[in-house]
Amino acid sequence: MTVEIITPERLLFVGEVKAIQLPGKDGLFQLLDNHAPLIASLGKGSIKMDLAKAYERTDSSSNKLISEGQSLKVDISGGVVEVSANKAIVLVS
C-alpha cells in the first residue's frame, strides 16, 4: 500500500508500507494492503508504519546511505485519512 502523510507545511512521507496503524477518534485502527475504501477522522496520537523495505536516508556530511530500520512513527495532534485504490492519504496537523 502506498502512503502519503501531508501537513499544511510539507509532505512528511511517501512510500510503500506493509501496514499502518492510526489513532482514530474512537481508538486505534490498522490498514493493510488492498483495504476497502475508507475516510476517517484522526485524533491525537502516533502513526506507526511497517515499511515494505528498510527506510534509508543520506547522511549530509559523509554522503553515505544510512538504514533507519523497517518502521516509522509520526506523532500527530489530529487529522483525516482517505483510503482508495490501495493508497492512503493522511492529512495531519
Protein backbone atom coordinates (compact mmCIF):
# COMPACT_ATOMS: atom_id res chain seq x y z
CA MET A 1 0.00 0.00 0.00
CA THR A 2 1.26 3.47 -0.84
CA VAL A 3 1.06 6.02 1.99
CA GLU A 4 1.36 9.80 1.84
CA ILE A 5 1.49 11.81 5.06
CA ILE A 6 0.95 15.53 4.49
CA THR A 7 0.97 18.52 6.88
CA PRO A 8 -0.09 22.07 5.99
CA GLU A 9 3.61 22.94 5.69
CA ARG A 10 5.08 19.98 3.79
CA LEU A 11 4.98 16.40 2.62
CA LEU A 12 6.28 14.27 5.52
CA PHE A 13 6.35 10.80 3.99
CA VAL A 14 5.66 8.96 0.74
CA GLY A 15 6.36 5.26 0.44
CA GLU A 16 5.23 1.65 0.40
CA VAL A 17 4.12 0.07 3.67
CA LYS A 18 3.02 -3.40 4.77
CA ALA A 19 0.74 -1.95 7.47
CA ILE A 20 -0.13 1.38 9.04
CA GLN A 21 -1.67 1.92 12.48
CA LEU A 22 -3.59 5.17 13.00
CA PRO A 23 -5.07 6.91 16.08
CA GLY A 24 -8.76 7.19 15.18
CA LYS A 25 -11.16 9.37 17.17
CA ASP A 26 -12.64 6.18 18.69
CA GLY A 27 -9.37 4.27 19.09
CA LEU A 28 -6.52 2.74 17.13
CA PHE A 29 -7.11 1.01 13.80
CA GLN A 30 -4.87 -0.62 11.22
CA LEU A 31 -4.80 -0.62 7.43
CA LEU A 32 -3.28 -3.39 5.30
CA ASP A 33 -2.78 -3.92 1.55
CA ASN A 34 -5.96 -3.70 -0.54
CA HIS A 35 -8.03 -2.25 2.31
CA ALA A 36 -11.61 -1.29 1.48
CA PRO A 37 -12.21 2.40 0.68
CA LEU A 38 -12.40 4.46 3.86
CA ILE A 39 -12.49 8.01 5.19
CA ALA A 40 -11.86 8.51 8.91
CA SER A 41 -11.01 11.32 11.32
CA LEU A 42 -7.88 11.01 13.43
CA GLY A 43 -7.21 12.06 17.00
CA LYS A 44 -4.06 12.86 18.92
CA GLY A 45 -1.53 10.03 18.95
CA SER A 46 1.07 8.27 16.84
CA ILE A 47 1.00 6.86 13.33
CA LYS A 48 3.05 3.66 13.19
CA MET A 49 4.11 2.17 9.87
CA ASP A 50 5.70 -1.17 8.97
CA LEU A 51 7.64 -0.31 5.84
CA ALA A 52 7.87 -2.58 2.80
CA LYS A 53 11.65 -2.10 2.84
CA ALA A 54 14.15 -0.51 5.21
CA TYR A 55 13.93 3.27 5.32
CA GLU A 56 17.16 4.84 4.15
CA ARG A 57 18.47 8.37 4.21
CA THR A 58 21.65 10.03 3.03
CA ASP A 59 23.97 11.45 5.67
CA SER A 60 24.63 15.05 4.62
CA SER A 61 28.18 15.15 5.99
CA SER A 62 29.52 11.86 4.55
CA ASN A 63 27.03 11.40 1.67
CA LYS A 64 26.59 7.73 2.77
CA LEU A 65 23.28 5.87 2.80
CA ILE A 66 22.08 5.09 6.34
CA SER A 67 19.42 2.46 7.05
CA GLU A 68 16.88 3.57 9.66
CA GLY A 69 15.05 0.23 10.03
CA GLN A 70 11.70 -1.02 8.84
CA SER A 71 9.31 1.01 10.96
CA LEU A 72 8.49 4.67 11.35
CA LYS A 73 6.49 6.57 13.95
CA VAL A 74 4.95 10.02 13.48
CA ASP A 75 3.26 11.90 16.33
CA ILE A 76 0.16 13.88 15.33
CA SER A 77 -2.45 16.06 17.02
CA GLY A 78 -5.27 15.13 14.64
CA GLY A 79 -6.23 14.83 11.01
CA VAL A 80 -8.06 12.72 8.45
CA VAL A 81 -7.24 9.66 6.32
CA GLU A 82 -8.64 8.60 2.96
CA VAL A 83 -8.03 5.11 1.58
CA SER A 84 -8.79 4.26 -2.03
CA ALA A 85 -7.20 2.05 -4.72
CA ASN A 86 -4.52 0.68 -2.34
CA LYS A 87 -3.35 4.21 -1.43
CA ALA A 88 -3.76 6.03 1.89
CA ILE A 89 -3.56 9.81 2.03
CA VAL A 90 -3.16 11.08 5.58
CA LEU A 91 -3.65 14.82 6.22
CA VAL A 92 -2.36 15.73 9.68
CA SER A 93 -1.75 18.69 11.94
